[in-house]
Amino acid sequence: MALQQIVEQTVTGLGYDLVEIERSAGGLLRITIDLPWTPGVEQFVTVEDCEKVTRQLQFALEVDGAEYKRLEVSSPGIDRPLRHEKDFERFAGEVVDITLKAPMGAAAGGQVSANRKKFRGTLERVSSGEASGWQIVWRDEPAVKPGQKVSRKREPAPLQALGFTLDELRDARLAPMVDFKGRRPKPAPSAD
């Protein structure tokens, strides 16, 4: 049986979702797991979950004779990769980083550099008639330097949006938003 199949069967059999399998130099086999998504319920992978999957995978991989020197099972973390349609549905409304396979060219009407491939903004579902897709919405605000005062009268940068399909993406992941003061970051403005 192929490594992908063994790992996927073991992980899903224990009630988890397989996010990613990665082989690194030196024989490291890194498995990333997550709890199945239930709308409205926020669950996190614990150390105990990782231990449970590790023990079962060690047994399954040994029985099948898979080659590896070290096994690492972990949660997706704060910069979780988004790979499947259900990942995008789960994290709609969150701030994400996307990288396109090809530059967007003249699609933005000159408002964005034609060579730009990377974007950070709010992920939104777009529906037009029968077809539905995804878009990312952002503002290109200049960074505020520490100690700099910002005028309340300053006009905010215009909202920009870029529609995309999953086939056009090289990489998509949650933007790591860390706030050490214990307050939630301000939600990004919507395009209403």
C-alpha atoms as a PDB file:
ATOM      1  CA  MET A   1       0.000   0.000   0.000  1.00  0.00           C
ATOM      2  CA  ALA A   2       1.249   3.526  -0.751  1.00  0.00           C
ATOM      3  CA  LEU A   3       2.396   5.739   2.121  1.00  0.00           C
ATOM      4  CA  GLN A   4      -0.371   8.276   1.398  1.00  0.00           C
ATOM      5  CA  GLN A   5      -3.031   5.563   1.689  1.00  0.00           C
ATOM      6  CA  ILE A   6      -1.641   4.105   4.932  1.00  0.00           C
ATOM      7  CA  VAL A   7      -1.432   7.497   6.609  1.00  0.00           C
ATOM      8  CA  GLU A   8      -4.839   8.658   5.345  1.00  0.00           C
ATOM      9  CA  GLN A   9      -6.611   5.454   6.430  1.00  0.00           C
ATOM     10  CA  THR A  10      -4.992   5.538   9.866  1.00  0.00           C
ATOM     11  CA  VAL A  11      -5.674   9.235  10.507  1.00  0.00           C
ATOM     12  CA  THR A  12      -9.277   9.189   9.258  1.00  0.00           C
ATOM     13  CA  GLY A  13      -9.906   5.889  11.055  1.00  0.00           C
ATOM     14  CA  LEU A  14      -9.059   7.622  14.332  1.00  0.00           C
ATOM     15  CA  GLY A  15     -11.545  10.429  13.546  1.00  0.00           C
ATOM     16  CA  TYR A  16      -9.149  13.158  12.360  1.00  0.00           C
ATOM     17  CA  ASP A  17      -8.628  14.959   9.038  1.00  0.00           C
ATOM     18  CA  LEU A  18      -5.300  14.603   7.242  1.00  0.00           C
ATOM     19  CA  VAL A  19      -4.062  18.082   6.339  1.00  0.00           C
ATOM     20  CA  GLU A  20      -0.597  17.367   4.962  1.00  0.00           C
ATOM     21  CA  ILE A  21       2.104  14.705   4.558  1.00  0.00           C
ATOM     22  CA  GLU A  22       5.658  15.938   4.161  1.00  0.00           C
ATOM     23  CA  ARG A  23       8.889  13.980   3.715  1.00  0.00           C
ATOM     24  CA  SER A  24      12.101  15.798   4.570  1.00  0.00           C
ATOM     25  CA  ALA A  25      15.778  15.009   4.173  1.00  0.00           C
ATOM     26  CA  GLY A  26      17.180  12.770   6.864  1.00  0.00           C
ATOM     27  CA  GLY A  27      14.140  10.473   6.920  1.00  0.00           C
ATOM     28  CA  LEU A  28      11.709  12.820   8.685  1.00  0.00           C
ATOM     29  CA  LEU A  29       8.055  12.045   8.011  1.00  0.00           C
ATOM     30  CA  ARG A  30       5.843  14.963   9.100  1.00  0.00           C
ATOM     31  CA  ILE A  31       2.084  14.430   9.341  1.00  0.00           C
ATOM     32  CA  THR A  32      -0.301  17.313  10.007  1.00  0.00           C
ATOM     33  CA  ILE A  33      -3.753  16.488  11.401  1.00  0.00           C
ATOM     34  CA  ASP A  34      -6.855  18.456  12.312  1.00  0.00           C
ATOM     35  CA  LEU A  35     -10.224  17.745  13.884  1.00  0.00           C
ATOM     36  CA  PRO A  36     -13.162  17.469  11.478  1.00  0.00           C
ATOM     37  CA  TRP A  37     -14.945  20.770  10.962  1.00  0.00           C
ATOM     38  CA  THR A  38     -18.389  21.319  12.413  1.00  0.00           C
ATOM     39  CA  PRO A  39     -19.866  24.749  11.573  1.00  0.00           C
ATOM     40  CA  GLY A  40     -20.131  26.923  14.670  1.00  0.00           C
ATOM     41  CA  VAL A  41     -17.863  24.710  16.793  1.00  0.00           C
ATOM     42  CA  GLU A  42     -14.210  25.688  17.292  1.00  0.00           C
ATOM     43  CA  GLN A  43     -12.015  22.704  18.194  1.00  0.00           C
ATOM     44  CA  PHE A  44      -8.252  22.445  18.511  1.00  0.00           C
ATOM     45  CA  VAL A  45      -5.862  19.505  18.179  1.00  0.00           C
ATOM     46  CA  THR A  46      -4.227  18.674  21.528  1.00  0.00           C
ATOM     47  CA  VAL A  47      -0.934  17.006  22.410  1.00  0.00           C
ATOM     48  CA  GLU A  48      -2.923  13.908  23.380  1.00  0.00           C
ATOM     49  CA  ASP A  49      -4.459  13.799  19.888  1.00  0.00           C
ATOM     50  CA  CYS A  50      -0.988  13.923  18.323  1.00  0.00           C
ATOM     51  CA  GLU A  51       0.292  11.176  20.662  1.00  0.00           C
ATOM     52  CA  LYS A  52      -2.666   8.935  19.818  1.00  0.00           C
ATOM     53  CA  VAL A  53      -2.116   9.319  16.064  1.00  0.00           C
ATOM     54  CA  THR A  54       1.666   8.885  16.424  1.00  0.00           C
ATOM     55  CA  ARG A  55       1.297   5.557  18.269  1.00  0.00           C
ATOM     56  CA  GLN A  56      -1.156   4.219  15.717  1.00  0.00           C
ATOM     57  CA  LEU A  57       0.902   5.432  12.732  1.00  0.00           C
ATOM     58  CA  GLN A  58       4.104   3.875  14.109  1.00  0.00           C
ATOM     59  CA  PHE A  59       2.338   0.531  14.259  1.00  0.00           C
ATOM     60  CA  ALA A  60       0.708   0.867  10.805  1.00  0.00           C
ATOM     61  CA  LEU A  61       3.928   2.023   9.110  1.00  0.00           C
ATOM     62  CA  GLU A  62       5.957  -0.767  10.723  1.00  0.00           C
ATOM     63  CA  VAL A  63       3.477  -3.435   9.595  1.00  0.00           C
ATOM     64  CA  ASP A  64       3.614  -2.105   6.028  1.00  0.00           C
ATOM     65  CA  GLY A  65       7.414  -1.674   6.050  1.00  0.00           C
ATOM     66  CA  ALA A  66       7.403   2.056   5.231  1.00  0.00           C
ATOM     67  CA  GLU A  67      10.835   3.721   5.306  1.00  0.00           C
ATOM     68  CA  TYR A  68      11.304   6.630   7.700  1.00  0.00           C
ATOM     69  CA  LYS A  69      13.683   7.482  10.550  1.00  0.00           C
ATOM     70  CA  ARG A  70      11.602   9.955  12.530  1.00  0.00           C
ATOM     71  CA  LEU A  71       7.852  10.545  12.698  1.00  0.00           C
ATOM     72  CA  GLU A  72       6.357  13.884  13.669  1.00  0.00           C
ATOM     73  CA  VAL A  73       2.603  14.414  14.066  1.00  0.00           C
ATOM     74  CA  SER A  74       1.373  17.971  14.666  1.00  0.00           C
ATOM     75  CA  SER A  75      -1.560  20.359  14.414  1.00  0.00           C
ATOM     76  CA  PRO A  76      -1.842  22.755  11.452  1.00  0.00           C
ATOM     77  CA  GLY A  77      -0.816  25.773  13.561  1.00  0.00           C
ATOM     78  CA  ILE A  78      -1.729  29.430  13.154  1.00  0.00           C
ATOM     79  CA  ASP A  79      -0.652  29.539   9.500  1.00  0.00           C
ATOM     80  CA  ARG A  80      -2.733  26.531   8.492  1.00  0.00           C
ATOM     81  CA  PRO A  81      -2.559  25.612   4.797  1.00  0.00           C
ATOM     82  CA  LEU A  82      -5.818  25.759   2.842  1.00  0.00           C
ATOM     83  CA  ARG A  83      -5.928  23.022   0.215  1.00  0.00           C
ATOM     84  CA  HIS A  84      -9.513  21.898  -0.378  1.00  0.00           C
ATOM     85  CA  GLU A  85     -12.857  23.581  -0.990  1.00  0.00           C
ATOM     86  CA  LYS A  86     -14.015  22.657   2.525  1.00  0.00           C
ATOM     87  CA  ASP A  87     -10.977  24.485   3.999  1.00  0.00           C
ATOM     88  CA  PHE A  88     -12.010  27.658   2.169  1.00  0.00           C
ATOM     89  CA  GLU A  89     -15.624  27.256   3.352  1.00  0.00           C
ATOM     90  CA  ARG A  90     -14.429  26.750   6.931  1.00  0.00           C
ATOM     91  CA  PHE A  91     -12.246  29.869   6.968  1.00  0.00           C
ATOM     92  CA  ALA A  92     -14.415  32.272   4.929  1.00  0.00           C
ATOM     93  CA  GLY A  93     -14.246  35.677   6.620  1.00  0.00           C
ATOM     94  CA  GLU A  94     -10.733  35.080   7.989  1.00  0.00           C
ATOM     95  CA  VAL A  95      -7.547  36.879   6.929  1.00  0.00           C
ATOM     96  CA  VAL A  96      -5.543  34.688   4.541  1.00  0.00           C
ATOM     97  CA  ASP A  97      -2.333  34.840   2.514  1.00  0.00           C
ATOM     98  CA  ILE A  98      -2.547  33.591  -1.064  1.00  0.00           C
ATOM     99  CA  THR A  99       0.083  33.140  -3.738  1.00  0.00           C
ATOM    100  CA  LEU A 100      -1.011  32.816  -7.359  1.00  0.00           C
ATOM    101  CA  LYS A 101       0.693  30.464  -9.823  1.00  0.00           C
ATOM    102  CA  ALA A 102       1.037  33.288 -12.354  1.00  0.00           C
ATOM    103  CA  PRO A 103       1.090  37.085 -11.989  1.00  0.00           C
ATOM    104  CA  MET A 104      -2.306  38.665 -12.371  1.00  0.00           C
ATOM    105  CA  GLY A 105      -1.235  40.750 -15.361  1.00  0.00           C
ATOM    106  CA  ALA A 106      -3.535  43.595 -16.374  1.00  0.00           C
ATOM    107  CA  ALA A 107      -6.564  42.107 -14.558  1.00  0.00           C
ATOM    108  CA  ALA A 108      -6.649  44.798 -11.865  1.00  0.00           C
ATOM    109  CA  GLY A 109      -6.953  47.681 -14.280  1.00  0.00           C
ATOM    110  CA  GLY A 110      -3.624  49.223 -13.240  1.00  0.00           C
ATOM    111  CA  GLN A 111      -4.476  49.464  -9.522  1.00  0.00           C
ATOM    112  CA  VAL A 112      -2.092  46.626  -8.593  1.00  0.00           C
ATOM    113  CA  SER A 113       1.345  45.789  -9.979  1.00  0.00           C
ATOM    114  CA  ALA A 114       0.978  43.462 -12.973  1.00  0.00           C
ATOM    115  CA  ASN A 115       3.732  41.201 -11.576  1.00  0.00           C
ATOM    116  CA  ARG A 116       2.142  40.750  -8.162  1.00  0.00           C
ATOM    117  CA  LYS A 117       1.406  37.185  -7.050  1.00  0.00           C
ATOM    118  CA  LYS A 118       1.044  37.497  -3.249  1.00  0.00           C
ATOM    119  CA  PHE A 119      -1.955  38.963  -1.446  1.00  0.00           C
ATOM    120  CA  ARG A 120      -3.195  39.218   2.153  1.00  0.00           C
ATOM    121  CA  GLY A 121      -6.826  39.984   2.840  1.00  0.00           C
ATOM    122  CA  THR A 122     -10.204  38.684   3.912  1.00  0.00           C
ATOM    123  CA  LEU A 123     -11.435  35.515   2.218  1.00  0.00           C
ATOM    124  CA  GLU A 124     -14.974  35.789   0.851  1.00  0.00           C
ATOM    125  CA  ARG A 125     -17.331  33.519  -1.097  1.00  0.00           C
ATOM    126  CA  VAL A 126     -18.608  35.050  -4.347  1.00  0.00           C
ATOM    127  CA  SER A 127     -21.774  33.861  -6.068  1.00  0.00           C
ATOM    128  CA  SER A 128     -22.839  35.030  -9.486  1.00  0.00           C
ATOM    129  CA  GLY A 129     -25.825  33.184 -10.905  1.00  0.00           C
ATOM    130  CA  GLU A 130     -25.061  29.461 -11.007  1.00  0.00           C
ATOM    131  CA  ALA A 131     -21.305  29.802 -10.573  1.00  0.00           C
ATOM    132  CA  SER A 132     -19.607  30.489  -7.265  1.00  0.00           C
ATOM    133  CA  GLY A 133     -15.991  31.153  -6.460  1.00  0.00           C
ATOM    134  CA  TRP A 134     -13.704  32.953  -4.052  1.00  0.00           C
ATOM    135  CA  GLN A 135     -12.256  36.421  -3.688  1.00  0.00           C
ATOM    136  CA  ILE A 136      -9.808  38.128  -1.398  1.00  0.00           C
ATOM    137  CA  VAL A 137     -10.525  41.705  -0.258  1.00  0.00           C
ATOM    138  CA  TRP A 138      -7.826  44.058   1.049  1.00  0.00           C
ATOM    139  CA  ARG A 139      -6.649  47.658   1.410  1.00  0.00           C
ATOM    140  CA  ASP A 140      -3.112  48.679   0.478  1.00  0.00           C
ATOM    141  CA  GLU A 141      -2.613  50.933   3.512  1.00  0.00           C
ATOM    142  CA  PRO A 142       0.898  52.275   4.092  1.00  0.00           C
ATOM    143  CA  ALA A 143       2.414  50.818   7.264  1.00  0.00           C
ATOM    144  CA  VAL A 144       2.264  53.109  10.299  1.00  0.00           C
ATOM    145  CA  LYS A 145       5.635  53.588  11.968  1.00  0.00           C
ATOM    146  CA  PRO A 146       5.865  53.180  15.755  1.00  0.00           C
ATOM    147  CA  GLY A 147       5.036  56.470  17.464  1.00  0.00           C
ATOM    148  CA  GLN A 148       3.615  58.004  14.290  1.00  0.00           C
ATOM    149  CA  LYS A 149       0.310  59.826  14.698  1.00  0.00           C
ATOM    150  CA  VAL A 150      -2.360  59.108  12.135  1.00  0.00           C
ATOM    151  CA  SER A 151      -4.897  61.809  11.331  1.00  0.00           C
ATOM    152  CA  ARG A 152      -8.527  60.881  11.828  1.00  0.00           C
ATOM    153  CA  LYS A 153      -9.314  62.869   8.706  1.00  0.00           C
ATOM    154  CA  ARG A 154      -7.071  60.715   6.524  1.00  0.00           C
ATOM    155  CA  GLU A 155      -9.036  58.924   3.834  1.00  0.00           C
ATOM    156  CA  PRO A 156      -8.658  55.129   4.016  1.00  0.00           C
ATOM    157  CA  ALA A 157      -7.171  53.374   1.008  1.00  0.00           C
ATOM    158  CA  PRO A 158      -9.828  52.022  -1.354  1.00  0.00           C
ATOM    159  CA  LEU A 159     -10.966  48.429  -0.940  1.00  0.00           C
ATOM    160  CA  GLN A 160      -9.647  46.093  -3.610  1.00  0.00           C
ATOM    161  CA  ALA A 161     -10.860  42.619  -4.484  1.00  0.00           C
ATOM    162  CA  LEU A 162      -9.377  39.778  -6.499  1.00  0.00           C
ATOM    163  CA  GLY A 163     -11.482  36.825  -7.593  1.00  0.00           C
ATOM    164  CA  PHE A 164      -9.742  33.476  -8.026  1.00  0.00           C
ATOM    165  CA  THR A 165     -10.309  29.758  -8.446  1.00  0.00           C
ATOM    166  CA  LEU A 166      -8.496  27.070  -6.486  1.00  0.00           C
ATOM    167  CA  ASP A 167      -6.699  26.003  -9.688  1.00  0.00           C
ATOM    168  CA  GLU A 168      -5.020  29.439  -9.917  1.00  0.00           C
ATOM    169  CA  LEU A 169      -3.426  29.143  -6.456  1.00  0.00           C
ATOM    170  CA  ARG A 170       0.092  27.992  -5.727  1.00  0.00           C
ATOM    171  CA  ASP A 171      -0.376  28.371  -1.964  1.00  0.00           C
ATOM    172  CA  ALA A 172      -3.080  29.538   0.422  1.00  0.00           C
ATOM    173  CA  ARG A 173      -2.905  29.653   4.208  1.00  0.00           C
ATOM    174  CA  LEU A 174      -4.349  31.450   7.178  1.00  0.00           C
ATOM    175  CA  ALA A 175      -2.458  34.652   7.914  1.00  0.00           C
ATOM    176  CA  PRO A 176      -0.689  34.256  11.268  1.00  0.00           C
ATOM    177  CA  MET A 177      -2.307  36.932  13.425  1.00  0.00           C
ATOM    178  CA  VAL A 178      -0.706  37.092  16.861  1.00  0.00           C
ATOM    179  CA  ASP A 179      -1.785  39.616  19.457  1.00  0.00           C
ATOM    180  CA  PHE A 180       0.217  39.402  22.660  1.00  0.00           C
ATOM    181  CA  LYS A 181      -2.018  41.911  24.451  1.00  0.00           C
ATOM    182  CA  GLY A 182      -4.925  39.484  24.606  1.00  0.00           C
ATOM    183  CA  ARG A 183      -7.274  41.498  22.422  1.00  0.00           C
ATOM    184  CA  ARG A 184      -8.692  40.200  19.173  1.00  0.00           C
ATOM    185  CA  PRO A 185      -7.470  41.976  16.018  1.00  0.00           C
ATOM    186  CA  LYS A 186      -9.937  44.350  14.415  1.00  0.00           C
ATOM    187  CA  PRO A 187     -11.959  42.609  11.699  1.00  0.00           C
ATOM    188  CA  ALA A 188     -11.054  43.619   8.173  1.00  0.00           C
ATOM    189  CA  PRO A 189     -13.651  45.859   6.535  1.00  0.00           C
ATOM    190  CA  SER A 190     -16.069  44.081   4.232  1.00  0.00           C
ATOM    191  CA  ALA A 191     -16.942  45.120   0.703  1.00  0.00           C
ATOM    192  CA  ASP A 192     -20.592  45.943   1.439  1.00  0.00           C
END
